[in-house]
PDB file of N, CA and C in Angstrom:
ATOM      1  N   VAL A   1     144.414 -46.579 -54.471  1.00  0.00           N
ATOM      2  CA  VAL A   1     143.653 -47.627 -55.122  1.00  0.00           C
ATOM      3  C   VAL A   1     143.529 -47.269 -56.601  1.00  0.00           C
ATOM      4  N   GLN A   2     143.645 -48.296 -57.456  1.00  0.00           N
ATOM      5  CA  GLN A   2     143.483 -48.096 -58.897  1.00  0.00           C
ATOM      6  C   GLN A   2     142.147 -48.714 -59.312  1.00  0.00           C
ATOM      7  N   LEU A   3     141.428 -48.000 -60.149  1.00  0.00           N
ATOM      8  CA  LEU A   3     140.100 -48.439 -60.571  1.00  0.00           C
ATOM      9  C   LEU A   3     140.072 -48.690 -62.070  1.00  0.00           C
ATOM     10  N   GLN A   4     139.318 -49.693 -62.466  1.00  0.00           N
ATOM     11  CA  GLN A   4     139.132 -49.968 -63.889  1.00  0.00           C
ATOM     12  C   GLN A   4     137.673 -50.259 -64.146  1.00  0.00           C
ATOM     13  N   ALA A   5     137.069 -49.430 -64.971  1.00  0.00           N
ATOM     14  CA  ALA A   5     135.674 -49.614 -65.354  1.00  0.00           C
ATOM     15  C   ALA A   5     135.600 -50.414 -66.636  1.00  0.00           C
ATOM     16  N   SER A   6     134.622 -51.288 -66.717  1.00  0.00           N
ATOM     17  CA  SER A   6     134.426 -52.103 -67.913  1.00  0.00           C
ATOM     18  C   SER A   6     132.957 -52.449 -68.052  1.00  0.00           C
ATOM     19  N   GLY A   7     132.622 -53.048 -69.195  1.00  0.00           N
ATOM     20  CA  GLY A   7     131.264 -53.511 -69.410  1.00  0.00           C
ATOM     21  C   GLY A   7     130.449 -52.661 -70.366  1.00  0.00           C
ATOM     22  N   GLY A   8     131.014 -51.568 -70.829  1.00  0.00           N
ATOM     23  CA  GLY A   8     130.284 -50.730 -71.765  1.00  0.00           C
ATOM     24  C   GLY A   8     130.159 -51.389 -73.125  1.00  0.00           C
ATOM     25  N   GLY A   9     129.368 -50.778 -73.970  1.00  0.00           N
ATOM     26  CA  GLY A   9     129.175 -51.320 -75.308  1.00  0.00           C
ATOM     27  C   GLY A   9     128.002 -50.670 -75.995  1.00  0.00           C
ATOM     28  N   LEU A  10     127.608 -51.256 -77.103  1.00  0.00           N
ATOM     29  CA  LEU A  10     126.483 -50.767 -77.890  1.00  0.00           C
ATOM     30  C   LEU A  10     125.255 -51.612 -77.576  1.00  0.00           C
ATOM     31  N   VAL A  11     124.158 -50.958 -77.248  1.00  0.00           N
ATOM     32  CA  VAL A  11     122.928 -51.670 -76.909  1.00  0.00           C
ATOM     33  C   VAL A  11     121.748 -50.890 -77.469  1.00  0.00           C
ATOM     34  N   GLN A  12     120.695 -51.604 -77.799  1.00  0.00           N
ATOM     35  CA  GLN A  12     119.486 -50.944 -78.294  1.00  0.00           C
ATOM     36  C   GLN A  12     118.701 -50.352 -77.133  1.00  0.00           C
ATOM     37  N   ALA A  13     117.947 -49.335 -77.424  1.00  0.00           N
ATOM     38  CA  ALA A  13     117.083 -48.733 -76.416  1.00  0.00           C
ATOM     39  C   ALA A  13     116.172 -49.800 -75.818  1.00  0.00           C
ATOM     40  N   GLY A  14     116.035 -49.749 -74.508  1.00  0.00           N
ATOM     41  CA  GLY A  14     115.252 -50.751 -73.798  1.00  0.00           C
ATOM     42  C   GLY A  14     116.077 -51.909 -73.276  1.00  0.00           C
ATOM     43  N   GLY A  15     117.311 -51.990 -73.725  1.00  0.00           N
ATOM     44  CA  GLY A  15     118.187 -53.077 -73.313  1.00  0.00           C
ATOM     45  C   GLY A  15     118.873 -52.815 -71.984  1.00  0.00           C
ATOM     46  N   SER A  16     119.769 -53.724 -71.634  1.00  0.00           N
ATOM     47  CA  SER A  16     120.457 -53.653 -70.345  1.00  0.00           C
ATOM     48  C   SER A  16     121.950 -53.857 -70.519  1.00  0.00           C
ATOM     49  N   LEU A  17     122.693 -53.287 -69.594  1.00  0.00           N
ATOM     50  CA  LEU A  17     124.131 -53.512 -69.489  1.00  0.00           C
ATOM     51  C   LEU A  17     124.490 -53.515 -68.011  1.00  0.00           C
ATOM     52  N   ARG A  18     125.558 -54.218 -67.685  1.00  0.00           N
ATOM     53  CA  ARG A  18     126.090 -54.151 -66.328  1.00  0.00           C
ATOM     54  C   ARG A  18     127.535 -53.687 -66.407  1.00  0.00           C
ATOM     55  N   LEU A  19     127.800 -52.552 -65.806  1.00  0.00           N
ATOM     56  CA  LEU A  19     129.149 -52.032 -65.735  1.00  0.00           C
ATOM     57  C   LEU A  19     129.821 -52.550 -64.469  1.00  0.00           C
ATOM     58  N   SER A  20     131.117 -52.752 -64.572  1.00  0.00           N
ATOM     59  CA  SER A  20     131.889 -53.244 -63.447  1.00  0.00           C
ATOM     60  C   SER A  20     133.022 -52.278 -63.141  1.00  0.00           C
ATOM     61  N   CYS A  21     133.267 -52.056 -61.878  1.00  0.00           N
ATOM     62  CA  CYS A  21     134.392 -51.246 -61.424  1.00  0.00           C
ATOM     63  C   CYS A  21     135.260 -52.154 -60.570  1.00  0.00           C
ATOM     64  N   ALA A  22     136.420 -52.504 -61.097  1.00  0.00           N
ATOM     65  CA  ALA A  22     137.342 -53.380 -60.392  1.00  0.00           C
ATOM     66  C   ALA A  22     138.452 -52.560 -59.752  1.00  0.00           C
ATOM     67  N   ALA A  23     138.856 -52.971 -58.565  1.00  0.00           N
ATOM     68  CA  ALA A  23     139.872 -52.225 -57.831  1.00  0.00           C
ATOM     69  C   ALA A  23     141.104 -53.079 -57.600  1.00  0.00           C
ATOM     70  N   SER A  24     142.246 -52.415 -57.608  1.00  0.00           N
ATOM     71  CA  SER A  24     143.501 -53.045 -57.215  1.00  0.00           C
ATOM     72  C   SER A  24     144.254 -52.079 -56.320  1.00  0.00           C
ATOM     73  N   GLY A  25     145.048 -52.630 -55.439  1.00  0.00           N
ATOM     74  CA  GLY A  25     145.801 -51.785 -54.535  1.00  0.00           C
ATOM     75  C   GLY A  25     144.999 -51.251 -53.378  1.00  0.00           C
ATOM     76  N   GLY A  26     143.808 -51.758 -53.191  1.00  0.00           N
ATOM     77  CA  GLY A  26     142.969 -51.302 -52.092  1.00  0.00           C
ATOM     78  C   GLY A  26     141.706 -52.110 -52.021  1.00  0.00           C
ATOM     79  N   THR A  27     141.033 -52.031 -50.905  1.00  0.00           N
ATOM     80  CA  THR A  27     139.791 -52.773 -50.692  1.00  0.00           C
ATOM     81  C   THR A  27     138.621 -51.823 -50.852  1.00  0.00           C
ATOM     82  N   LEU A  28     137.778 -52.078 -51.860  1.00  0.00           N
ATOM     83  CA  LEU A  28     136.691 -51.163 -52.172  1.00  0.00           C
ATOM     84  C   LEU A  28     135.676 -51.028 -51.054  1.00  0.00           C
ATOM     85  N   SER A  29     135.575 -52.027 -50.208  1.00  0.00           N
ATOM     86  CA  SER A  29     134.609 -51.947 -49.120  1.00  0.00           C
ATOM     87  C   SER A  29     134.963 -50.839 -48.132  1.00  0.00           C
ATOM     88  N   LEU A  30     136.178 -50.323 -48.210  1.00  0.00           N
ATOM     89  CA  LEU A  30     136.603 -49.229 -47.339  1.00  0.00           C
ATOM     90  C   LEU A  30     136.386 -47.858 -47.973  1.00  0.00           C
ATOM     91  N   TYR A  31     135.849 -47.832 -49.188  1.00  0.00           N
ATOM     92  CA  TYR A  31     135.664 -46.589 -49.923  1.00  0.00           C
ATOM     93  C   TYR A  31     134.193 -46.384 -50.273  1.00  0.00           C
ATOM     94  N   THR A  32     133.817 -45.138 -50.325  1.00  0.00           N
ATOM     95  CA  THR A  32     132.578 -44.778 -50.995  1.00  0.00           C
ATOM     96  C   THR A  32     132.866 -44.774 -52.495  1.00  0.00           C
ATOM     97  N   VAL A  33     132.016 -45.441 -53.256  1.00  0.00           N
ATOM     98  CA  VAL A  33     132.232 -45.573 -54.699  1.00  0.00           C
ATOM     99  C   VAL A  33     131.062 -44.964 -55.447  1.00  0.00           C
ATOM    100  N   GLY A  34     131.387 -44.150 -56.411  1.00  0.00           N
ATOM    101  CA  GLY A  34     130.360 -43.514 -57.217  1.00  0.00           C
ATOM    102  C   GLY A  34     130.538 -43.814 -58.694  1.00  0.00           C
ATOM    103  N   TRP A  35     129.433 -43.719 -59.406  1.00  0.00           N
ATOM    104  CA  TRP A  35     129.451 -43.779 -60.863  1.00  0.00           C
ATOM    105  C   TRP A  35     129.040 -42.410 -61.392  1.00  0.00           C
ATOM    106  N   PHE A  36     129.759 -41.951 -62.390  1.00  0.00           N
ATOM    107  CA  PHE A  36     129.474 -40.699 -63.053  1.00  0.00           C
ATOM    108  C   PHE A  36     129.490 -40.942 -64.552  1.00  0.00           C
ATOM    109  N   ARG A  37     128.917 -40.016 -65.302  1.00  0.00           N
ATOM    110  CA  ARG A  37     128.940 -40.173 -66.751  1.00  0.00           C
ATOM    111  C   ARG A  37     129.105 -38.814 -67.417  1.00  0.00           C
ATOM    112  N   GLN A  38     129.658 -38.862 -68.611  1.00  0.00           N
ATOM    113  CA  GLN A  38     129.820 -37.641 -69.389  1.00  0.00           C
ATOM    114  C   GLN A  38     129.391 -37.920 -70.819  1.00  0.00           C
ATOM    115  N   ALA A  39     128.329 -37.265 -71.214  1.00  0.00           N
ATOM    116  CA  ALA A  39     127.825 -37.375 -72.575  1.00  0.00           C
ATOM    117  C   ALA A  39     128.570 -36.388 -73.468  1.00  0.00           C
ATOM    118  N   PRO A  40     128.595 -36.637 -74.770  1.00  0.00           N
ATOM    119  CA  PRO A  40     129.290 -35.733 -75.686  1.00  0.00           C
ATOM    120  C   PRO A  40     128.781 -34.297 -75.567  1.00  0.00           C
ATOM    121  N   GLY A  41     129.712 -33.376 -75.362  1.00  0.00           N
ATOM    122  CA  GLY A  41     129.350 -31.974 -75.284  1.00  0.00           C
ATOM    123  C   GLY A  41     128.745 -31.535 -73.972  1.00  0.00           C
ATOM    124  N   LYS A  42     128.711 -32.444 -73.003  1.00  0.00           N
ATOM    125  CA  LYS A  42     128.104 -32.111 -71.707  1.00  0.00           C
ATOM    126  C   LYS A  42     129.111 -32.304 -70.583  1.00  0.00           C
ATOM    127  N   GLU A  43     128.779 -31.739 -69.437  1.00  0.00           N
ATOM    128  CA  GLU A  43     129.633 -31.910 -68.270  1.00  0.00           C
ATOM    129  C   GLU A  43     129.384 -33.282 -67.629  1.00  0.00           C
ATOM    130  N   ARG A  44     130.374 -33.721 -66.902  1.00  0.00           N
ATOM    131  CA  ARG A  44     130.237 -34.983 -66.207  1.00  0.00           C
ATOM    132  C   ARG A  44     129.191 -34.838 -65.091  1.00  0.00           C
ATOM    133  N   GLU A  45     128.358 -35.861 -64.938  1.00  0.00           N
ATOM    134  CA  GLU A  45     127.279 -35.795 -63.958  1.00  0.00           C
ATOM    135  C   GLU A  45     127.228 -37.054 -63.113  1.00  0.00           C
ATOM    136  N   PHE A  46     126.647 -36.901 -61.951  1.00  0.00           N
ATOM    137  CA  PHE A  46     126.474 -37.999 -61.009  1.00  0.00           C
ATOM    138  C   PHE A  46     125.436 -38.979 -61.512  1.00  0.00           C
ATOM    139  N   VAL A  47     125.705 -40.278 -61.285  1.00  0.00           N
ATOM    140  CA  VAL A  47     124.750 -41.319 -61.649  1.00  0.00           C
ATOM    141  C   VAL A  47     124.297 -42.101 -60.418  1.00  0.00           C
ATOM    142  N   ALA A  48     125.268 -42.625 -59.659  1.00  0.00           N
ATOM    143  CA  ALA A  48     124.910 -43.458 -58.505  1.00  0.00           C
ATOM    144  C   ALA A  48     126.083 -43.521 -57.543  1.00  0.00           C
ATOM    145  N   VAL A  49     125.774 -43.840 -56.283  1.00  0.00           N
ATOM    146  CA  VAL A  49     126.822 -43.934 -55.274  1.00  0.00           C
ATOM    147  C   VAL A  49     126.454 -44.983 -54.245  1.00  0.00           C
ATOM    148  N   SER A  50     127.485 -45.630 -53.722  1.00  0.00           N
ATOM    149  CA  SER A  50     127.335 -46.585 -52.623  1.00  0.00           C
ATOM    150  C   SER A  50     128.331 -46.179 -51.547  1.00  0.00           C
ATOM    151  N   ASN A  51     127.835 -45.963 -50.336  1.00  0.00           N
ATOM    152  CA  ASN A  51     128.763 -45.504 -49.305  1.00  0.00           C
ATOM    153  C   ASN A  51     129.714 -46.619 -48.911  1.00  0.00           C
ATOM    154  N   TRP A  52     130.678 -46.312 -48.098  1.00  0.00           N
ATOM    155  CA  TRP A  52     131.824 -47.198 -47.877  1.00  0.00           C
ATOM    156  C   TRP A  52     131.404 -48.578 -47.385  1.00  0.00           C
ATOM    157  N   ALA A  53     130.371 -48.659 -46.619  1.00  0.00           N
ATOM    158  CA  ALA A  53     129.936 -49.956 -46.118  1.00  0.00           C
ATOM    159  C   ALA A  53     128.862 -50.571 -47.010  1.00  0.00           C
ATOM    160  N   GLY A  54     128.451 -49.847 -48.023  1.00  0.00           N
ATOM    161  CA  GLY A  54     127.437 -50.374 -48.931  1.00  0.00           C
ATOM    162  C   GLY A  54     126.028 -50.298 -48.393  1.00  0.00           C
ATOM    163  N   GLY A  55     125.883 -49.736 -47.189  1.00  0.00           N
ATOM    164  CA  GLY A  55     124.564 -49.711 -46.597  1.00  0.00           C
ATOM    165  C   GLY A  55     123.682 -48.601 -47.117  1.00  0.00           C
ATOM    166  N   ILE A  56     124.283 -47.586 -47.703  1.00  0.00           N
ATOM    167  CA  ILE A  56     123.514 -46.462 -48.225  1.00  0.00           C
ATOM    168  C   ILE A  56     123.840 -46.309 -49.696  1.00  0.00           C
ATOM    169  N   THR A  57     122.826 -46.298 -50.510  1.00  0.00           N
ATOM    170  CA  THR A  57     123.016 -46.069 -51.928  1.00  0.00           C
ATOM    171  C   THR A  57     122.094 -44.947 -52.372  1.00  0.00           C
ATOM    172  N   SER A  58     122.463 -44.336 -53.467  1.00  0.00           N
ATOM    173  CA  SER A  58     121.653 -43.260 -54.023  1.00  0.00           C
ATOM    174  C   SER A  58     121.872 -43.228 -55.522  1.00  0.00           C
ATOM    175  N   VAL A  59     120.830 -42.899 -56.254  1.00  0.00           N
ATOM    176  CA  VAL A  59     120.958 -42.754 -57.697  1.00  0.00           C
ATOM    177  C   VAL A  59     120.358 -41.423 -58.117  1.00  0.00           C
ATOM    178  N   ALA A  60     120.796 -40.929 -59.253  1.00  0.00           N
ATOM    179  CA  ALA A  60     120.265 -39.677 -59.784  1.00  0.00           C
ATOM    180  C   ALA A  60     118.806 -39.861 -60.198  1.00  0.00           C
ATOM    181  N   ASP A  61     118.060 -38.790 -60.135  1.00  0.00           N
ATOM    182  CA  ASP A  61     116.648 -38.866 -60.508  1.00  0.00           C
ATOM    183  C   ASP A  61     116.465 -39.355 -61.941  1.00  0.00           C
ATOM    184  N   SER A  62     117.413 -39.014 -62.806  1.00  0.00           N
ATOM    185  CA  SER A  62     117.277 -39.361 -64.220  1.00  0.00           C
ATOM    186  C   SER A  62     117.378 -40.865 -64.474  1.00  0.00           C
ATOM    187  N   VAL A  63     117.924 -41.612 -63.522  1.00  0.00           N
ATOM    188  CA  VAL A  63     118.083 -43.056 -63.708  1.00  0.00           C
ATOM    189  C   VAL A  63     117.341 -43.853 -62.648  1.00  0.00           C
ATOM    190  N   LYS A  64     116.639 -43.181 -61.783  1.00  0.00           N
ATOM    191  CA  LYS A  64     115.929 -43.861 -60.693  1.00  0.00           C
ATOM    192  C   LYS A  64     114.908 -44.847 -61.259  1.00  0.00           C
ATOM    193  N   GLY A  65     114.927 -46.042 -60.667  1.00  0.00           N
ATOM    194  CA  GLY A  65     114.016 -47.077 -61.133  1.00  0.00           C
ATOM    195  C   GLY A  65     114.574 -47.893 -62.291  1.00  0.00           C
ATOM    196  N   ARG A  66     115.700 -47.441 -62.854  1.00  0.00           N
ATOM    197  CA  ARG A  66     116.306 -48.158 -63.989  1.00  0.00           C
ATOM    198  C   ARG A  66     117.719 -48.650 -63.676  1.00  0.00           C
ATOM    199  N   PHE A  67     118.470 -47.881 -62.901  1.00  0.00           N
ATOM    200  CA  PHE A  67     119.856 -48.222 -62.582  1.00  0.00           C
ATOM    201  C   PHE A  67     119.965 -48.622 -61.115  1.00  0.00           C
ATOM    202  N   THR A  68     120.837 -49.581 -60.851  1.00  0.00           N
ATOM    203  CA  THR A  68     121.081 -50.029 -59.483  1.00  0.00           C
ATOM    204  C   THR A  68     122.576 -50.196 -59.268  1.00  0.00           C
ATOM    205  N   ILE A  69     123.070 -49.707 -58.138  1.00  0.00           N
ATOM    206  CA  ILE A  69     124.475 -49.886 -57.785  1.00  0.00           C
ATOM    207  C   ILE A  69     124.575 -50.959 -56.717  1.00  0.00           C
ATOM    208  N   SER A  70     125.583 -51.815 -56.847  1.00  0.00           N
ATOM    209  CA  SER A  70     125.750 -52.887 -55.872  1.00  0.00           C
ATOM    210  C   SER A  70     127.237 -53.204 -55.714  1.00  0.00           C
ATOM    211  N   ARG A  71     127.528 -53.924 -54.637  1.00  0.00           N
ATOM    212  CA  ARG A  71     128.909 -54.286 -54.339  1.00  0.00           C
ATOM    213  C   ARG A  71     129.089 -55.800 -54.340  1.00  0.00           C
ATOM    214  N   ASP A  72     130.290 -56.205 -54.723  1.00  0.00           N
ATOM    215  CA  ASP A  72     130.719 -57.593 -54.634  1.00  0.00           C
ATOM    216  C   ASP A  72     132.040 -57.571 -53.873  1.00  0.00           C
ATOM    217  N   SER A  73     131.945 -57.636 -52.573  1.00  0.00           N
ATOM    218  CA  SER A  73     133.154 -57.499 -51.750  1.00  0.00           C
ATOM    219  C   SER A  73     134.125 -58.639 -51.977  1.00  0.00           C
ATOM    220  N   ALA A  74     133.611 -59.819 -52.238  1.00  0.00           N
ATOM    221  CA  ALA A  74     134.487 -60.972 -52.439  1.00  0.00           C
ATOM    222  C   ALA A  74     135.420 -60.770 -53.631  1.00  0.00           C
ATOM    223  N   ASN A  75     134.914 -60.052 -54.654  1.00  0.00           N
ATOM    224  CA  ASN A  75     135.702 -59.819 -55.857  1.00  0.00           C
ATOM    225  C   ASN A  75     136.204 -58.380 -55.962  1.00  0.00           C
ATOM    226  N   ASN A  76     135.992 -57.609 -54.891  1.00  0.00           N
ATOM    227  CA  ASN A  76     136.505 -56.238 -54.841  1.00  0.00           C
ATOM    228  C   ASN A  76     135.995 -55.408 -56.027  1.00  0.00           C
ATOM    229  N   ARG A  77     134.688 -55.508 -56.264  1.00  0.00           N
ATOM    230  CA  ARG A  77     134.074 -54.806 -57.392  1.00  0.00           C
ATOM    231  C   ARG A  77     132.800 -54.088 -56.958  1.00  0.00           C
ATOM    232  N   VAL A  78     132.480 -53.085 -57.737  1.00  0.00           N
ATOM    233  CA  VAL A  78     131.200 -52.414 -57.618  1.00  0.00           C
ATOM    234  C   VAL A  78     130.556 -52.432 -59.003  1.00  0.00           C
ATOM    235  N   TYR A  79     129.260 -52.722 -59.029  1.00  0.00           N
ATOM    236  CA  TYR A  79     128.563 -52.840 -60.300  1.00  0.00           C
ATOM    237  C   TYR A  79     127.536 -51.719 -60.462  1.00  0.00           C
ATOM    238  N   LEU A  80     127.252 -51.417 -61.712  1.00  0.00           N
ATOM    239  CA  LEU A  80     126.133 -50.543 -62.052  1.00  0.00           C
ATOM    240  C   LEU A  80     125.265 -51.310 -63.043  1.00  0.00           C
ATOM    241  N   GLN A  81     124.147 -51.785 -62.561  1.00  0.00           N
ATOM    242  CA  GLN A  81     123.192 -52.473 -63.424  1.00  0.00           C
ATOM    243  C   GLN A  81     122.289 -51.439 -64.074  1.00  0.00           C
ATOM    244  N   MET A  82     122.266 -51.429 -65.388  1.00  0.00           N
ATOM    245  CA  MET A  82     121.501 -50.428 -66.133  1.00  0.00           C
ATOM    246  C   MET A  82     120.446 -51.140 -66.971  1.00  0.00           C
ATOM    247  N   ASN A  83     119.197 -50.889 -66.653  1.00  0.00           N
ATOM    248  CA  ASN A  83     118.072 -51.485 -67.374  1.00  0.00           C
ATOM    249  C   ASN A  83     117.270 -50.401 -68.086  1.00  0.00           C
ATOM    250  N   SER A  84     116.460 -50.817 -69.026  1.00  0.00           N
ATOM    251  CA  SER A  84     115.586 -49.897 -69.755  1.00  0.00           C
ATOM    252  C   SER A  84     116.367 -48.705 -70.280  1.00  0.00           C
ATOM    253  N   LEU A  85     117.473 -48.994 -70.908  1.00  0.00           N
ATOM    254  CA  LEU A  85     118.371 -47.930 -71.364  1.00  0.00           C
ATOM    255  C   LEU A  85     117.698 -47.067 -72.425  1.00  0.00           C
ATOM    256  N   LYS A  86     118.050 -45.795 -72.384  1.00  0.00           N
ATOM    257  CA  LYS A  86     117.525 -44.810 -73.316  1.00  0.00           C
ATOM    258  C   LYS A  86     118.683 -44.181 -74.088  1.00  0.00           C
ATOM    259  N   ALA A  87     118.358 -43.570 -75.198  1.00  0.00           N
ATOM    260  CA  ALA A  87     119.400 -42.923 -76.007  1.00  0.00           C
ATOM    261  C   ALA A  87     120.148 -41.874 -75.194  1.00  0.00           C
ATOM    262  N   GLU A  88     119.441 -41.212 -74.299  1.00  0.00           N
ATOM    263  CA  GLU A  88     120.081 -40.159 -73.497  1.00  0.00           C
ATOM    264  C   GLU A  88     121.007 -40.701 -72.422  1.00  0.00           C
ATOM    265  N   ASP A  89     121.074 -42.021 -72.277  1.00  0.00           N
ATOM    266  CA  ASP A  89     122.046 -42.622 -71.361  1.00  0.00           C
ATOM    267  C   ASP A  89     123.415 -42.803 -72.019  1.00  0.00           C
ATOM    268  N   THR A  90     123.490 -42.518 -73.314  1.00  0.00           N
ATOM    269  CA  THR A  90     124.756 -42.628 -74.026  1.00  0.00           C
ATOM    270  C   THR A  90     125.787 -41.680 -73.428  1.00  0.00           C
ATOM    271  N   ALA A  91     126.919 -42.242 -73.017  1.00  0.00           N
ATOM    272  CA  ALA A  91     127.953 -41.455 -72.344  1.00  0.00           C
ATOM    273  C   ALA A  91     129.149 -42.350 -72.043  1.00  0.00           C
ATOM    274  N   VAL A  92     130.228 -41.711 -71.653  1.00  0.00           N
ATOM    275  CA  VAL A  92     131.338 -42.440 -71.044  1.00  0.00           C
ATOM    276  C   VAL A  92     131.054 -42.496 -69.552  1.00  0.00           C
ATOM    277  N   TYR A  93     131.082 -43.695 -69.006  1.00  0.00           N
ATOM    278  CA  TYR A  93     130.788 -43.911 -67.594  1.00  0.00           C
ATOM    279  C   TYR A  93     132.089 -44.141 -66.826  1.00  0.00           C
ATOM    280  N   TYR A  94     132.205 -43.441 -65.711  1.00  0.00           N
ATOM    281  CA  TYR A  94     133.387 -43.523 -64.869  1.00  0.00           C
ATOM    282  C   TYR A  94     133.004 -44.005 -63.472  1.00  0.00           C
ATOM    283  N   CYS A  95     133.863 -44.824 -62.888  1.00  0.00           N
ATOM    284  CA  CYS A  95     133.713 -45.106 -61.470  1.00  0.00           C
ATOM    285  C   CYS A  95     134.790 -44.329 -60.723  1.00  0.00           C
ATOM    286  N   ALA A  96     134.463 -43.966 -59.505  1.00  0.00           N
ATOM    287  CA  ALA A  96     135.364 -43.163 -58.693  1.00  0.00           C
ATOM    288  C   ALA A  96     135.230 -43.593 -57.241  1.00  0.00           C
ATOM    289  N   ALA A  97     136.268 -43.331 -56.464  1.00  0.00           N
ATOM    290  CA  ALA A  97     136.255 -43.740 -55.065  1.00  0.00           C
ATOM    291  C   ALA A  97     136.789 -42.627 -54.181  1.00  0.00           C
ATOM    292  N   THR A  98     136.263 -42.591 -52.971  1.00  0.00           N
ATOM    293  CA  THR A  98     136.728 -41.650 -51.967  1.00  0.00           C
ATOM    294  C   THR A  98     136.720 -42.325 -50.609  1.00  0.00           C
ATOM    295  N   THR A  99     137.591 -41.860 -49.748  1.00  0.00           N
ATOM    296  CA  THR A  99     137.623 -42.408 -48.399  1.00  0.00           C
ATOM    297  C   THR A  99     136.555 -41.776 -47.521  1.00  0.00           C
ATOM    298  N   GLY A 100     135.840 -40.799 -48.037  1.00  0.00           N
ATOM    299  CA  GLY A 100     134.728 -40.233 -47.296  1.00  0.00           C
ATOM    300  C   GLY A 100     133.687 -41.299 -47.004  1.00  0.00           C
ATOM    301  N   THR A 101     133.065 -41.202 -45.872  1.00  0.00           N
ATOM    302  CA  THR A 101     132.159 -42.261 -45.450  1.00  0.00           C
ATOM    303  C   THR A 101     130.711 -42.022 -45.822  1.00  0.00           C
ATOM    304  N   SER A 102     130.380 -40.837 -46.234  1.00  0.00           N
ATOM    305  CA  SER A 102     128.994 -40.567 -46.607  1.00  0.00           C
ATOM    306  C   SER A 102     128.825 -40.713 -48.108  1.00  0.00           C
ATOM    307  N   ALA A 103     127.629 -41.014 -48.540  1.00  0.00           N
ATOM    308  CA  ALA A 103     127.343 -41.170 -49.960  1.00  0.00           C
ATOM    309  C   ALA A 103     127.392 -39.798 -50.620  1.00  0.00           C
ATOM    310  N   GLN A 104     128.256 -39.634 -51.579  1.00  0.00           N
ATOM    311  CA  GLN A 104     128.513 -38.330 -52.153  1.00  0.00           C
ATOM    312  C   GLN A 104     128.168 -38.273 -53.623  1.00  0.00           C
ATOM    313  N   ALA A 105     127.426 -37.251 -54.014  1.00  0.00           N
ATOM    314  CA  ALA A 105     127.127 -37.027 -55.418  1.00  0.00           C
ATOM    315  C   ALA A 105     128.067 -35.998 -56.037  1.00  0.00           C
ATOM    316  N   ASN A 106     128.866 -35.350 -55.207  1.00  0.00           N
ATOM    317  CA  ASN A 106     129.762 -34.299 -55.677  1.00  0.00           C
ATOM    318  C   ASN A 106     131.038 -34.920 -56.216  1.00  0.00           C
ATOM    319  N   GLN A 107     131.285 -34.842 -57.484  1.00  0.00           N
ATOM    320  CA  GLN A 107     132.439 -35.504 -58.101  1.00  0.00           C
ATOM    321  C   GLN A 107     133.762 -34.945 -57.583  1.00  0.00           C
ATOM    322  N   TRP A 108     133.764 -33.715 -57.128  1.00  0.00           N
ATOM    323  CA  TRP A 108     135.008 -33.095 -56.673  1.00  0.00           C
ATOM    324  C   TRP A 108     135.494 -33.673 -55.349  1.00  0.00           C
ATOM    325  N   LEU A 109     134.682 -34.476 -54.707  1.00  0.00           N
ATOM    326  CA  LEU A 109     135.074 -35.096 -53.446  1.00  0.00           C
ATOM    327  C   LEU A 109     135.762 -36.434 -53.640  1.00  0.00           C
ATOM    328  N   TYR A 110     135.856 -36.886 -54.891  1.00  0.00           N
ATOM    329  CA  TYR A 110     136.442 -38.193 -55.176  1.00  0.00           C
ATOM    330  C   TYR A 110     137.923 -38.061 -55.521  1.00  0.00           C
ATOM    331  N   ASP A 111     138.704 -38.970 -54.970  1.00  0.00           N
ATOM    332  CA  ASP A 111     140.156 -38.914 -55.137  1.00  0.00           C
ATOM    333  C   ASP A 111     140.680 -39.839 -56.225  1.00  0.00           C
ATOM    334  N   TYR A 112     139.956 -40.900 -56.498  1.00  0.00           N
ATOM    335  CA  TYR A 112     140.446 -41.931 -57.414  1.00  0.00           C
ATOM    336  C   TYR A 112     139.407 -42.160 -58.509  1.00  0.00           C
ATOM    337  N   TRP A 113     139.914 -42.250 -59.746  1.00  0.00           N
ATOM    338  CA  TRP A 113     139.026 -42.390 -60.900  1.00  0.00           C
ATOM    339  C   TRP A 113     139.509 -43.506 -61.814  1.00  0.00           C
ATOM    340  N   GLY A 114     138.561 -44.235 -62.362  1.00  0.00           N
ATOM    341  CA  GLY A 114     138.872 -45.191 -63.402  1.00  0.00           C
ATOM    342  C   GLY A 114     138.944 -44.484 -64.748  1.00  0.00           C
ATOM    343  N   GLN A 115     139.240 -45.233 -65.785  1.00  0.00           N
ATOM    344  CA  GLN A 115     139.481 -44.638 -67.103  1.00  0.00           C
ATOM    345  C   GLN A 115     138.214 -44.414 -67.911  1.00  0.00           C
ATOM    346  N   GLY A 116     137.095 -44.961 -67.497  1.00  0.00           N
ATOM    347  CA  GLY A 116     135.859 -44.761 -68.224  1.00  0.00           C
ATOM    348  C   GLY A 116     135.570 -45.878 -69.209  1.00  0.00           C
ATOM    349  N   THR A 117     134.291 -46.143 -69.381  1.00  0.00           N
ATOM    350  CA  THR A 117     133.849 -47.133 -70.362  1.00  0.00           C
ATOM    351  C   THR A 117     132.668 -46.544 -71.118  1.00  0.00           C
ATOM    352  N   LEU A 118     132.657 -46.700 -72.433  1.00  0.00           N
ATOM    353  CA  LEU A 118     131.673 -46.051 -73.285  1.00  0.00           C
ATOM    354  C   LEU A 118     130.412 -46.894 -73.405  1.00  0.00           C
ATOM    355  N   VAL A 119     129.291 -46.264 -73.149  1.00  0.00           N
ATOM    356  CA  VAL A 119     127.981 -46.873 -73.338  1.00  0.00           C
ATOM    357  C   VAL A 119     127.271 -46.112 -74.448  1.00  0.00           C
ATOM    358  N   THR A 120     126.859 -46.835 -75.468  1.00  0.00           N
ATOM    359  CA  THR A 120     126.132 -46.227 -76.575  1.00  0.00           C
ATOM    360  C   THR A 120     124.791 -46.919 -76.702  1.00  0.00           C
ATOM    361  N   VAL A 121     123.721 -46.142 -76.613  1.00  0.00           N
ATOM    362  CA  VAL A 121     122.367 -46.683 -76.714  1.00  0.00           C
ATOM    363  C   VAL A 121     121.764 -46.183 -78.015  1.00  0.00           C
ATOM    364  N   SER A 122     121.424 -47.114 -78.873  1.00  0.00           N
ATOM    365  CA  SER A 122     120.831 -46.754 -80.155  1.00  0.00           C
ATOM    366  C   SER A 122     119.312 -46.724 -80.038  1.00  0.00           C
ATOM    367  N   SER A 123     118.732 -45.726 -80.662  1.00  0.00           N
ATOM    368  CA  SER A 123     117.269 -45.578 -80.566  1.00  0.00           C
ATOM    369  C   SER A 123     116.569 -46.223 -81.754  1.00  0.00           C
TER     370      SER A 123
END
């Protein structure tokens, strides 16, 4: 499966963005899909995950209450809705997929990665 992340951009602190992860060559509903991010000078970190059936989701403590992951099976996409953005949310955001059935925060368990989309939050 090939993944393409989009929807990033420049937003003021307190604003919102919705990132999209589009898939081709496979059906995303059969994959666990995660969002990860990498800020400048930092390691890539887990943000959110939706298990293969979409019934289990999890988000990192740093974004809990602000970010939501959801699926659009009809359009073969997974979204990351980001509200109340902060300057520390500035990063390149990646979507990734794995055939594992449990919700995974470990990036090393993912087999397929999108190219990343840049989110910049100005304070």
